[in-house]
N, C-alpha and C. Protein backbone atom coordinates (compact mmCIF):
# COMPACT_ATOMS: atom_id res chain seq x y z
N MET A 1 79.08 184.30 242.92
CA MET A 1 78.94 185.71 242.49
C MET A 1 78.96 185.77 240.98
N ILE A 2 78.00 186.46 240.35
CA ILE A 2 77.93 186.56 238.89
C ILE A 2 78.60 187.85 238.45
N PHE A 3 79.54 187.72 237.50
CA PHE A 3 80.28 188.87 237.00
C PHE A 3 79.51 189.51 235.85
N ASP A 4 79.08 190.73 236.01
CA ASP A 4 78.30 191.44 235.00
C ASP A 4 79.26 192.18 234.07
N VAL A 5 79.47 191.64 232.88
CA VAL A 5 80.40 192.24 231.93
C VAL A 5 79.95 193.63 231.51
N ASN A 6 78.67 193.78 231.29
CA ASN A 6 78.16 195.09 230.85
C ASN A 6 78.37 196.17 231.90
N LEU A 7 78.14 195.81 233.16
CA LEU A 7 78.35 196.77 234.24
C LEU A 7 79.82 197.16 234.33
N PHE A 8 80.69 196.18 234.16
CA PHE A 8 82.14 196.45 234.20
C PHE A 8 82.53 197.43 233.11
N LEU A 9 81.98 197.23 231.89
CA LEU A 9 82.32 198.11 230.77
C LEU A 9 81.81 199.52 231.02
N VAL A 10 80.64 199.64 231.59
CA VAL A 10 80.09 200.97 231.87
C VAL A 10 80.96 201.72 232.86
N ILE A 11 81.39 201.03 233.93
CA ILE A 11 82.25 201.66 234.96
C ILE A 11 83.58 202.07 234.35
N ALA A 12 84.16 201.18 233.53
CA ALA A 12 85.45 201.47 232.91
C ALA A 12 85.37 202.68 232.00
N MET A 13 84.30 202.76 231.19
CA MET A 13 84.12 203.89 230.29
C MET A 13 83.91 205.18 231.07
N ASP A 14 83.19 205.08 232.16
CA ASP A 14 82.95 206.26 232.99
C ASP A 14 84.24 206.81 233.55
N LYS A 15 85.13 205.91 234.01
CA LYS A 15 86.42 206.34 234.54
C LYS A 15 87.27 206.99 233.46
N THR A 16 87.24 206.41 232.25
CA THR A 16 88.01 206.96 231.14
C THR A 16 87.55 208.37 230.80
N ILE A 17 86.21 208.55 230.76
CA ILE A 17 85.66 209.86 230.45
C ILE A 17 86.06 210.89 231.51
N LYS A 18 86.01 210.48 232.78
CA LYS A 18 86.38 211.41 233.85
C LYS A 18 87.85 211.80 233.77
N ARG A 19 88.72 210.83 233.40
CA ARG A 19 90.14 211.15 233.27
C ARG A 19 90.36 212.14 232.15
N ARG A 20 89.64 211.95 231.03
CA ARG A 20 89.80 212.86 229.90
C ARG A 20 89.31 214.25 230.24
N ARG A 21 88.16 214.31 230.95
CA ARG A 21 87.63 215.61 231.33
C ARG A 21 88.55 216.33 232.31
N GLY A 22 89.26 215.55 233.10
CA GLY A 22 90.16 216.15 234.08
C GLY A 22 91.39 216.77 233.46
N GLY A 23 91.69 216.40 232.21
CA GLY A 23 92.84 216.96 231.53
C GLY A 23 94.12 216.28 231.94
N PRO A 24 95.26 216.70 231.39
CA PRO A 24 96.54 216.08 231.69
C PRO A 24 96.96 216.34 233.12
N ARG A 25 97.70 215.41 233.65
CA ARG A 25 98.18 215.55 235.02
C ARG A 25 99.17 216.70 235.11
N THR A 26 99.00 217.56 236.09
CA THR A 26 99.88 218.71 236.26
C THR A 26 100.85 218.45 237.40
N PHE A 27 101.88 219.31 237.49
CA PHE A 27 102.84 219.18 238.57
C PHE A 27 103.43 220.54 238.89
N ASP A 28 104.02 220.63 240.05
CA ASP A 28 104.68 221.85 240.49
C ASP A 28 106.05 221.91 239.83
N ARG A 29 106.27 222.90 238.99
CA ARG A 29 107.51 222.97 238.23
C ARG A 29 108.73 223.09 239.14
N ALA A 30 108.64 223.96 240.13
CA ALA A 30 109.77 224.16 241.04
C ALA A 30 110.10 222.87 241.78
N GLN A 31 109.07 222.15 242.22
CA GLN A 31 109.29 220.89 242.92
C GLN A 31 109.88 219.85 241.98
N ALA A 32 109.43 219.87 240.72
CA ALA A 32 109.96 218.94 239.74
C ALA A 32 111.45 219.18 239.50
N VAL A 33 111.82 220.44 239.39
CA VAL A 33 113.24 220.78 239.18
C VAL A 33 114.07 220.37 240.39
N ASP A 34 113.53 220.61 241.59
CA ASP A 34 114.26 220.23 242.81
C ASP A 34 114.44 218.71 242.88
N THR A 35 113.40 217.97 242.55
CA THR A 35 113.49 216.51 242.55
C THR A 35 114.52 216.04 241.54
N ALA A 36 114.48 216.61 240.35
CA ALA A 36 115.44 216.25 239.31
C ALA A 36 116.86 216.60 239.73
N MET A 37 117.02 217.75 240.37
CA MET A 37 118.34 218.16 240.82
C MET A 37 118.96 217.12 241.74
N HIS A 38 118.18 216.63 242.69
CA HIS A 38 118.71 215.63 243.62
C HIS A 38 119.08 214.34 242.91
N LEU A 39 118.28 213.94 241.94
CA LEU A 39 118.61 212.73 241.18
C LEU A 39 119.89 212.90 240.38
N PHE A 40 120.00 214.00 239.65
CA PHE A 40 121.20 214.25 238.86
C PHE A 40 122.43 214.43 239.75
N TRP A 41 122.25 215.10 240.86
CA TRP A 41 123.33 215.33 241.82
C TRP A 41 123.85 214.00 242.35
N ARG A 42 122.94 213.09 242.63
CA ARG A 42 123.31 211.80 243.24
C ARG A 42 123.89 210.82 242.22
N HIS A 43 123.29 210.80 241.02
CA HIS A 43 123.64 209.75 240.06
C HIS A 43 124.34 210.25 238.80
N GLY A 44 124.41 211.56 238.61
CA GLY A 44 124.98 212.07 237.38
C GLY A 44 123.96 212.09 236.26
N TYR A 45 124.27 212.84 235.21
CA TYR A 45 123.32 212.98 234.10
C TYR A 45 123.01 211.64 233.44
N GLU A 46 124.06 210.90 233.11
CA GLU A 46 123.85 209.65 232.40
C GLU A 46 123.32 208.54 233.30
N GLY A 47 123.42 208.72 234.61
CA GLY A 47 122.92 207.72 235.54
C GLY A 47 121.45 207.86 235.86
N VAL A 48 120.81 208.88 235.28
CA VAL A 48 119.38 209.12 235.52
C VAL A 48 118.64 208.98 234.19
N SER A 49 117.71 208.06 234.13
CA SER A 49 116.93 207.86 232.91
C SER A 49 115.67 208.72 232.93
N LEU A 50 115.03 208.83 231.78
CA LEU A 50 113.77 209.56 231.72
C LEU A 50 112.72 208.87 232.59
N ASN A 51 112.77 207.54 232.62
CA ASN A 51 111.84 206.80 233.47
C ASN A 51 112.07 207.11 234.95
N ASP A 52 113.35 207.24 235.35
CA ASP A 52 113.66 207.63 236.74
C ASP A 52 113.03 208.97 237.07
N LEU A 53 113.14 209.91 236.13
CA LEU A 53 112.61 211.26 236.36
C LEU A 53 111.09 211.26 236.45
N THR A 54 110.43 210.56 235.52
CA THR A 54 108.97 210.56 235.54
C THR A 54 108.42 209.88 236.78
N GLU A 55 109.08 208.82 237.22
CA GLU A 55 108.62 208.13 238.44
C GLU A 55 108.81 209.01 239.67
N ALA A 56 109.97 209.68 239.76
CA ALA A 56 110.24 210.51 240.93
C ALA A 56 109.35 211.75 240.97
N ILE A 57 109.11 212.35 239.80
CA ILE A 57 108.31 213.56 239.74
C ILE A 57 106.82 213.23 239.77
N GLY A 58 106.47 212.06 239.23
CA GLY A 58 105.09 211.63 239.24
C GLY A 58 104.28 212.07 238.05
N VAL A 59 104.95 212.16 236.88
CA VAL A 59 104.25 212.55 235.65
C VAL A 59 104.66 211.63 234.52
N ALA A 60 103.96 211.73 233.39
CA ALA A 60 104.29 210.95 232.21
C ALA A 60 105.35 211.68 231.39
N PRO A 61 106.11 210.98 230.54
CA PRO A 61 107.15 211.62 229.71
C PRO A 61 106.67 212.83 228.92
N PRO A 62 105.45 212.82 228.33
CA PRO A 62 105.04 214.02 227.59
C PRO A 62 105.04 215.29 228.44
N SER A 63 104.76 215.16 229.73
CA SER A 63 104.76 216.33 230.61
C SER A 63 106.17 216.89 230.77
N ILE A 64 107.16 215.99 230.84
CA ILE A 64 108.56 216.43 230.93
C ILE A 64 108.95 217.18 229.68
N TYR A 65 108.62 216.60 228.51
CA TYR A 65 108.97 217.23 227.24
C TYR A 65 108.23 218.55 227.05
N SER A 66 106.98 218.60 227.48
CA SER A 66 106.21 219.83 227.34
C SER A 66 106.77 220.95 228.20
N ALA A 67 107.20 220.62 229.41
CA ALA A 67 107.68 221.64 230.36
C ALA A 67 109.13 222.04 230.10
N PHE A 68 109.97 221.06 229.75
CA PHE A 68 111.41 221.33 229.69
C PHE A 68 112.05 221.09 228.32
N GLY A 69 111.29 220.55 227.41
CA GLY A 69 111.83 220.32 226.08
C GLY A 69 112.53 218.99 225.91
N SER A 70 113.28 218.60 226.93
CA SER A 70 114.06 217.37 226.88
C SER A 70 114.64 217.08 228.25
N LYS A 71 115.23 215.92 228.39
CA LYS A 71 115.94 215.60 229.63
C LYS A 71 117.08 216.60 229.85
N ALA A 72 117.76 216.98 228.78
CA ALA A 72 118.85 217.95 228.89
C ALA A 72 118.34 219.30 229.37
N GLY A 73 117.15 219.69 228.89
CA GLY A 73 116.57 220.96 229.33
C GLY A 73 116.27 220.95 230.81
N LEU A 74 115.75 219.82 231.29
CA LEU A 74 115.49 219.69 232.73
C LEU A 74 116.80 219.71 233.51
N TYR A 75 117.83 219.08 232.98
CA TYR A 75 119.14 219.08 233.64
C TYR A 75 119.69 220.50 233.77
N ARG A 76 119.53 221.28 232.73
CA ARG A 76 120.03 222.66 232.78
C ARG A 76 119.30 223.47 233.85
N GLU A 77 117.98 223.27 233.95
CA GLU A 77 117.24 223.99 235.00
C GLU A 77 117.64 223.49 236.38
N ALA A 78 117.94 222.20 236.48
CA ALA A 78 118.39 221.65 237.76
C ALA A 78 119.74 222.25 238.14
N LEU A 79 120.60 222.45 237.16
CA LEU A 79 121.91 223.09 237.43
C LEU A 79 121.71 224.53 237.90
N ASP A 80 120.83 225.26 237.23
CA ASP A 80 120.55 226.63 237.65
C ASP A 80 120.03 226.66 239.09
N HIS A 81 119.16 225.72 239.40
CA HIS A 81 118.62 225.63 240.76
C HIS A 81 119.73 225.34 241.76
N TYR A 82 120.60 224.40 241.42
CA TYR A 82 121.72 224.06 242.30
C TYR A 82 122.65 225.26 242.48
N PHE A 83 122.92 225.96 241.39
CA PHE A 83 123.83 227.10 241.43
C PHE A 83 123.31 228.19 242.36
N GLY A 84 121.98 228.23 242.55
CA GLY A 84 121.39 229.24 243.41
C GLY A 84 121.33 228.88 244.87
N LEU A 85 121.72 227.64 245.22
CA LEU A 85 121.71 227.24 246.62
C LEU A 85 122.84 227.92 247.38
N PRO A 86 122.69 228.10 248.70
CA PRO A 86 123.80 228.63 249.49
C PRO A 86 125.03 227.75 249.33
N GLY A 87 126.17 228.37 249.06
CA GLY A 87 127.37 227.58 248.82
C GLY A 87 128.63 228.29 249.25
N ALA A 88 129.75 227.75 248.84
CA ALA A 88 131.04 228.24 249.30
C ALA A 88 131.36 229.64 248.80
N LEU A 89 130.78 230.05 247.67
CA LEU A 89 131.19 231.30 247.05
C LEU A 89 130.30 232.49 247.41
N LYS A 90 129.30 232.28 248.24
CA LYS A 90 128.37 233.36 248.56
C LYS A 90 129.01 234.41 249.46
N ASP A 91 128.89 235.68 249.06
CA ASP A 91 129.27 236.83 249.88
C ASP A 91 130.72 236.80 250.36
N LEU A 92 131.62 236.31 249.52
CA LEU A 92 133.03 236.29 249.92
C LEU A 92 133.60 237.69 250.03
N GLY A 93 133.05 238.63 249.30
CA GLY A 93 133.57 239.99 249.33
C GLY A 93 133.34 240.72 250.64
N GLU A 94 132.57 240.12 251.55
CA GLU A 94 132.28 240.77 252.83
C GLU A 94 133.35 240.51 253.88
N LYS A 95 134.28 239.61 253.62
CA LYS A 95 135.28 239.26 254.63
C LYS A 95 136.35 240.34 254.73
N GLU A 96 136.94 240.42 255.93
CA GLU A 96 137.86 241.52 256.22
C GLU A 96 139.30 241.24 255.78
N THR A 97 139.69 239.98 255.78
CA THR A 97 141.07 239.64 255.44
C THR A 97 141.10 238.50 254.42
N LEU A 98 142.26 238.34 253.77
CA LEU A 98 142.44 237.26 252.81
C LEU A 98 142.34 235.90 253.51
N ALA A 99 142.97 235.78 254.67
CA ALA A 99 142.94 234.51 255.41
C ALA A 99 141.51 234.15 255.78
N GLU A 100 140.72 235.14 256.22
CA GLU A 100 139.34 234.88 256.59
C GLU A 100 138.52 234.44 255.37
N THR A 101 138.80 235.05 254.24
CA THR A 101 138.09 234.70 253.01
C THR A 101 138.36 233.25 252.63
N VAL A 102 139.62 232.86 252.66
CA VAL A 102 140.00 231.49 252.28
C VAL A 102 139.43 230.49 253.27
N ASP A 103 139.56 230.78 254.56
CA ASP A 103 139.05 229.84 255.57
C ASP A 103 137.53 229.69 255.47
N THR A 104 136.82 230.79 255.23
CA THR A 104 135.37 230.75 255.09
C THR A 104 134.97 229.94 253.86
N LEU A 105 135.68 230.16 252.77
CA LEU A 105 135.38 229.44 251.54
C LEU A 105 135.52 227.94 251.74
N PHE A 106 136.62 227.51 252.36
CA PHE A 106 136.84 226.08 252.58
C PHE A 106 135.82 225.50 253.57
N ALA A 107 135.50 226.26 254.62
CA ALA A 107 134.53 225.76 255.61
C ALA A 107 133.16 225.57 254.96
N ARG A 108 132.75 226.54 254.14
CA ARG A 108 131.47 226.42 253.46
C ARG A 108 131.47 225.27 252.46
N ALA A 109 132.61 225.06 251.81
CA ALA A 109 132.72 223.96 250.84
C ALA A 109 132.52 222.62 251.52
N VAL A 110 133.13 222.45 252.69
CA VAL A 110 132.95 221.20 253.44
C VAL A 110 131.49 221.02 253.82
N ASP A 111 130.88 222.09 254.32
CA ASP A 111 129.47 222.01 254.70
C ASP A 111 128.60 221.61 253.51
N ALA A 112 128.91 222.16 252.34
CA ALA A 112 128.08 221.92 251.15
C ALA A 112 128.16 220.47 250.67
N VAL A 113 129.36 219.88 250.73
CA VAL A 113 129.51 218.55 250.14
C VAL A 113 129.12 217.42 251.08
N VAL A 114 128.88 217.74 252.36
CA VAL A 114 128.43 216.70 253.30
C VAL A 114 127.12 217.07 254.00
N ASP A 115 126.42 218.07 253.49
CA ASP A 115 125.17 218.52 254.10
C ASP A 115 124.14 217.39 254.07
N PRO A 116 123.61 216.99 255.22
CA PRO A 116 122.60 215.91 255.25
C PRO A 116 121.35 216.23 254.45
N ALA A 117 121.07 217.51 254.24
CA ALA A 117 119.88 217.90 253.49
C ALA A 117 120.09 217.77 251.98
N GLY A 118 121.33 217.55 251.55
CA GLY A 118 121.61 217.43 250.14
C GLY A 118 122.14 216.07 249.78
N GLU A 119 122.98 216.04 248.76
CA GLU A 119 123.64 214.82 248.34
C GLU A 119 125.13 214.98 248.57
N ARG A 120 125.86 213.90 248.54
CA ARG A 120 127.30 213.96 248.74
C ARG A 120 127.99 214.59 247.53
N GLY A 121 128.97 215.42 247.81
CA GLY A 121 129.75 216.03 246.74
C GLY A 121 129.09 217.28 246.17
N CYS A 122 129.72 217.81 245.15
CA CYS A 122 129.24 219.03 244.48
C CYS A 122 128.76 218.67 243.08
N MET A 123 127.54 219.05 242.76
CA MET A 123 126.95 218.72 241.47
C MET A 123 127.73 219.32 240.31
N ILE A 124 128.35 220.46 240.54
CA ILE A 124 129.09 221.14 239.47
C ILE A 124 130.55 220.70 239.44
N SER A 125 131.19 220.65 240.61
CA SER A 125 132.60 220.26 240.65
C SER A 125 132.83 218.86 240.10
N SER A 126 131.89 217.95 240.38
CA SER A 126 132.06 216.55 239.98
C SER A 126 131.20 216.17 238.77
N GLY A 127 130.48 217.12 238.21
CA GLY A 127 129.51 216.80 237.19
C GLY A 127 130.08 216.59 235.80
N MET A 128 129.73 215.50 235.16
CA MET A 128 130.04 215.21 233.76
C MET A 128 131.52 215.38 233.42
N LEU A 129 132.39 214.88 234.27
CA LEU A 129 133.83 214.93 233.98
C LEU A 129 134.18 213.97 232.85
N GLN A 130 133.46 212.87 232.77
CA GLN A 130 133.59 211.92 231.67
C GLN A 130 132.19 211.59 231.19
N THR A 131 131.98 211.68 229.89
CA THR A 131 130.63 211.47 229.38
C THR A 131 130.67 211.03 227.93
N ALA A 132 129.56 210.52 227.45
CA ALA A 132 129.46 210.10 226.06
C ALA A 132 129.55 211.31 225.13
N ALA A 133 130.00 211.05 223.92
CA ALA A 133 130.23 212.14 222.96
C ALA A 133 128.96 212.94 222.68
N GLU A 134 127.81 212.27 222.68
CA GLU A 134 126.57 212.98 222.37
C GLU A 134 126.15 213.98 223.44
N HIS A 135 126.81 213.92 224.58
CA HIS A 135 126.50 214.86 225.66
C HIS A 135 127.62 215.89 225.86
N SER A 136 128.44 216.05 224.86
CA SER A 136 129.60 216.94 224.98
C SER A 136 129.19 218.40 225.22
N ASP A 137 128.05 218.81 224.65
CA ASP A 137 127.60 220.19 224.87
C ASP A 137 127.29 220.44 226.34
N LEU A 138 126.61 219.48 226.97
CA LEU A 138 126.32 219.62 228.40
C LEU A 138 127.59 219.60 229.22
N ALA A 139 128.52 218.71 228.85
CA ALA A 139 129.80 218.65 229.57
C ALA A 139 130.54 219.98 229.48
N LYS A 140 130.47 220.61 228.31
CA LYS A 140 131.11 221.92 228.13
C LYS A 140 130.45 222.96 229.02
N GLU A 141 129.14 222.89 229.17
CA GLU A 141 128.45 223.83 230.04
C GLU A 141 128.88 223.66 231.49
N LEU A 142 129.09 222.42 231.92
CA LEU A 142 129.60 222.18 233.28
C LEU A 142 130.99 222.75 233.44
N ALA A 143 131.84 222.55 232.43
CA ALA A 143 133.20 223.10 232.48
C ALA A 143 133.15 224.62 232.56
N ASP A 144 132.22 225.23 231.82
CA ASP A 144 132.08 226.68 231.86
C ASP A 144 131.65 227.15 233.25
N ARG A 145 130.77 226.39 233.89
CA ARG A 145 130.33 226.76 235.24
C ARG A 145 131.48 226.63 236.24
N ARG A 146 132.31 225.61 236.07
CA ARG A 146 133.48 225.50 236.95
C ARG A 146 134.43 226.67 236.73
N ASN A 147 134.54 227.11 235.48
CA ASN A 147 135.37 228.27 235.20
C ASN A 147 134.78 229.52 235.83
N GLU A 148 133.46 229.62 235.84
CA GLU A 148 132.81 230.75 236.52
C GLU A 148 133.14 230.75 238.01
N MET A 149 133.18 229.57 238.61
CA MET A 149 133.56 229.47 240.01
C MET A 149 134.98 229.98 240.23
N ARG A 150 135.88 229.57 239.35
CA ARG A 150 137.28 230.00 239.47
C ARG A 150 137.39 231.51 239.35
N LEU A 151 136.67 232.09 238.39
CA LEU A 151 136.72 233.54 238.20
C LEU A 151 136.13 234.28 239.40
N ALA A 152 135.07 233.71 240.00
CA ALA A 152 134.48 234.34 241.18
C ALA A 152 135.46 234.33 242.35
N ILE A 153 136.18 233.23 242.51
CA ILE A 153 137.18 233.15 243.58
C ILE A 153 138.30 234.15 243.32
N ALA A 154 138.77 234.20 242.07
CA ALA A 154 139.84 235.14 241.73
C ALA A 154 139.40 236.57 241.97
N GLY A 155 138.15 236.88 241.63
CA GLY A 155 137.65 238.23 241.85
C GLY A 155 137.64 238.60 243.32
N ALA A 156 137.28 237.65 244.18
CA ALA A 156 137.29 237.93 245.62
C ALA A 156 138.70 238.13 246.14
N LEU A 157 139.67 237.40 245.59
CA LEU A 157 141.05 237.49 246.07
C LEU A 157 141.76 238.75 245.59
N GLN A 158 141.23 239.38 244.55
CA GLN A 158 141.90 240.57 244.00
C GLN A 158 141.82 241.77 244.92
N ARG A 159 141.06 241.67 246.00
CA ARG A 159 141.09 242.74 247.00
C ARG A 159 142.45 242.82 247.67
N TRP A 160 143.18 241.70 247.67
CA TRP A 160 144.47 241.66 248.36
C TRP A 160 145.63 241.25 247.45
N LEU A 161 145.34 240.66 246.31
CA LEU A 161 146.39 240.14 245.44
C LEU A 161 146.32 240.75 244.05
N PRO A 162 147.47 240.85 243.39
CA PRO A 162 147.46 241.28 241.98
C PRO A 162 146.65 240.29 241.14
N GLU A 163 146.16 240.73 240.01
CA GLU A 163 145.26 239.91 239.20
C GLU A 163 145.86 238.57 238.82
N ASP A 164 147.13 238.57 238.36
CA ASP A 164 147.73 237.30 237.94
C ASP A 164 147.94 236.35 239.12
N ARG A 165 148.30 236.90 240.29
CA ARG A 165 148.49 236.07 241.47
C ARG A 165 147.15 235.52 241.96
N ALA A 166 146.13 236.37 241.94
CA ALA A 166 144.80 235.94 242.35
C ALA A 166 144.30 234.80 241.45
N ALA A 167 144.59 234.89 240.16
CA ALA A 167 144.17 233.85 239.22
C ALA A 167 144.85 232.52 239.53
N SER A 168 146.12 232.57 239.87
CA SER A 168 146.87 231.35 240.19
C SER A 168 146.36 230.70 241.47
N VAL A 169 146.15 231.51 242.50
CA VAL A 169 145.66 230.99 243.77
C VAL A 169 144.24 230.45 243.60
N ALA A 170 143.42 231.13 242.81
CA ALA A 170 142.05 230.68 242.58
C ALA A 170 142.02 229.32 241.90
N ARG A 171 142.95 229.08 240.98
CA ARG A 171 143.00 227.79 240.31
C ARG A 171 143.36 226.68 241.31
N TYR A 172 144.26 226.99 242.22
CA TYR A 172 144.62 226.03 243.26
C TYR A 172 143.42 225.75 244.17
N ILE A 173 142.73 226.80 244.58
CA ILE A 173 141.58 226.63 245.47
C ILE A 173 140.49 225.80 244.79
N LEU A 174 140.24 226.07 243.51
CA LEU A 174 139.22 225.30 242.80
C LEU A 174 139.60 223.82 242.73
N ALA A 175 140.88 223.54 242.54
CA ALA A 175 141.34 222.14 242.52
C ALA A 175 141.06 221.48 243.87
N VAL A 176 141.26 222.21 244.95
CA VAL A 176 140.96 221.67 246.29
C VAL A 176 139.46 221.41 246.42
N LEU A 177 138.64 222.35 245.97
CA LEU A 177 137.19 222.19 246.06
C LEU A 177 136.72 220.95 245.29
N GLN A 178 137.30 220.74 244.12
CA GLN A 178 136.93 219.56 243.34
C GLN A 178 137.37 218.28 244.06
N GLY A 179 138.53 218.33 244.69
CA GLY A 179 139.00 217.18 245.46
C GLY A 179 138.10 216.90 246.65
N LEU A 180 137.63 217.94 247.32
CA LEU A 180 136.70 217.75 248.44
C LEU A 180 135.42 217.07 247.97
N SER A 181 134.94 217.46 246.80
CA SER A 181 133.72 216.86 246.27
C SER A 181 133.90 215.37 246.02
N VAL A 182 135.02 215.02 245.40
CA VAL A 182 135.28 213.60 245.11
C VAL A 182 135.42 212.80 246.41
N GLN A 183 136.16 213.33 247.36
CA GLN A 183 136.36 212.61 248.61
C GLN A 183 135.05 212.47 249.40
N ALA A 184 134.20 213.50 249.33
CA ALA A 184 132.90 213.41 249.99
C ALA A 184 132.06 212.30 249.36
N ARG A 185 132.08 212.20 248.06
CA ARG A 185 131.35 211.13 247.37
C ARG A 185 131.91 209.76 247.74
N ASP A 186 133.18 209.72 248.02
CA ASP A 186 133.82 208.45 248.40
C ASP A 186 133.60 208.10 249.87
N GLY A 187 132.94 209.01 250.61
CA GLY A 187 132.57 208.69 251.98
C GLY A 187 133.38 209.36 253.07
N SER A 188 134.25 210.29 252.73
CA SER A 188 135.03 210.99 253.76
C SER A 188 134.09 211.75 254.69
N THR A 189 134.47 211.83 255.96
CA THR A 189 133.65 212.52 256.95
C THR A 189 133.94 214.02 256.95
N ARG A 190 133.06 214.77 257.61
CA ARG A 190 133.28 216.20 257.74
C ARG A 190 134.62 216.49 258.41
N GLU A 191 134.94 215.74 259.46
CA GLU A 191 136.19 215.95 260.19
C GLU A 191 137.39 215.69 259.30
N GLU A 192 137.32 214.63 258.50
CA GLU A 192 138.42 214.32 257.59
C GLU A 192 138.60 215.41 256.54
N LEU A 193 137.51 215.93 256.03
CA LEU A 193 137.60 216.98 255.03
C LEU A 193 138.10 218.29 255.64
N LYS A 194 137.76 218.54 256.89
CA LYS A 194 138.28 219.74 257.56
C LYS A 194 139.79 219.67 257.72
N GLU A 195 140.31 218.47 257.95
CA GLU A 195 141.76 218.31 258.02
C GLU A 195 142.40 218.65 256.68
N VAL A 196 141.75 218.26 255.61
CA VAL A 196 142.25 218.59 254.28
C VAL A 196 142.29 220.10 254.09
N THR A 197 141.23 220.78 254.51
CA THR A 197 141.18 222.22 254.29
C THR A 197 142.18 222.98 255.16
N LYS A 198 142.53 222.42 256.32
CA LYS A 198 143.57 223.05 257.13
C LYS A 198 144.89 223.07 256.38
N VAL A 199 145.21 221.94 255.76
CA VAL A 199 146.45 221.85 254.97
C VAL A 199 146.35 222.78 253.76
N ALA A 200 145.18 222.80 253.12
CA ALA A 200 145.00 223.65 251.95
C ALA A 200 145.13 225.13 252.30
N SER A 201 144.57 225.53 253.44
CA SER A 201 144.68 226.93 253.86
C SER A 201 146.13 227.29 254.10
N ALA A 202 146.89 226.39 254.71
CA ALA A 202 148.32 226.63 254.90
C ALA A 202 149.02 226.74 253.56
N GLY A 203 148.57 225.95 252.59
CA GLY A 203 149.17 226.02 251.26
C GLY A 203 148.92 227.36 250.60
N VAL A 204 147.71 227.88 250.77
CA VAL A 204 147.41 229.19 250.22
C VAL A 204 148.28 230.27 250.87
N GLN A 205 148.41 230.20 252.18
CA GLN A 205 149.25 231.17 252.88
C GLN A 205 150.69 231.11 252.40
N ALA A 206 151.17 229.90 252.11
CA ALA A 206 152.53 229.75 251.58
C ALA A 206 152.66 230.35 250.19
N MET A 207 151.62 230.22 249.41
CA MET A 207 151.65 230.75 248.05
C MET A 207 151.71 232.26 248.02
N ILE A 208 151.08 232.91 249.00
CA ILE A 208 150.99 234.36 249.00
C ILE A 208 151.95 235.01 249.99
N GLY A 209 152.63 234.17 250.78
CA GLY A 209 153.49 234.70 251.84
C GLY A 209 154.75 235.39 251.32
């Protein structure tokens, strides 16, 4: 078989021209954020490289920078996406009693950290607890989001408790939620975590009894 160099060059140039005419590769932004969320959720911010993101999303680095500004920008959108998922804090104000509110919150928390459709643990509860100094701004944002969770819990409890008491109980509940996230990442089963929440619910009742 004779290899025609000229023919090869013509074909190669033709492909290059077609790629240029086609423009830059595009992607679904929402799908990209969802993919990034799962990576960050599973491996943490520092455990995910830009190369990991581009391979998973299927685009080149310039597309990431053009759409999100930076890896940190994509992480922030992934956090917003995660924060909008159904979770332990949704619609707590609809419950009839304090005990029902606490039990529902813990039950939803267990479901969230072991949901087969997601990743193990909570992206916010366990996110960036220890990180390099150059990522301190992102770590502070995670801490602020955890504080938002605490305030949301306290707000729900104020239907039955004075403000200062609700704040104290909410801090305890948030500590339990963070513990559930860590244990889920370590491999605890749904049944094991439910046992934890039974004890925690009794602890809350003792605090307010």
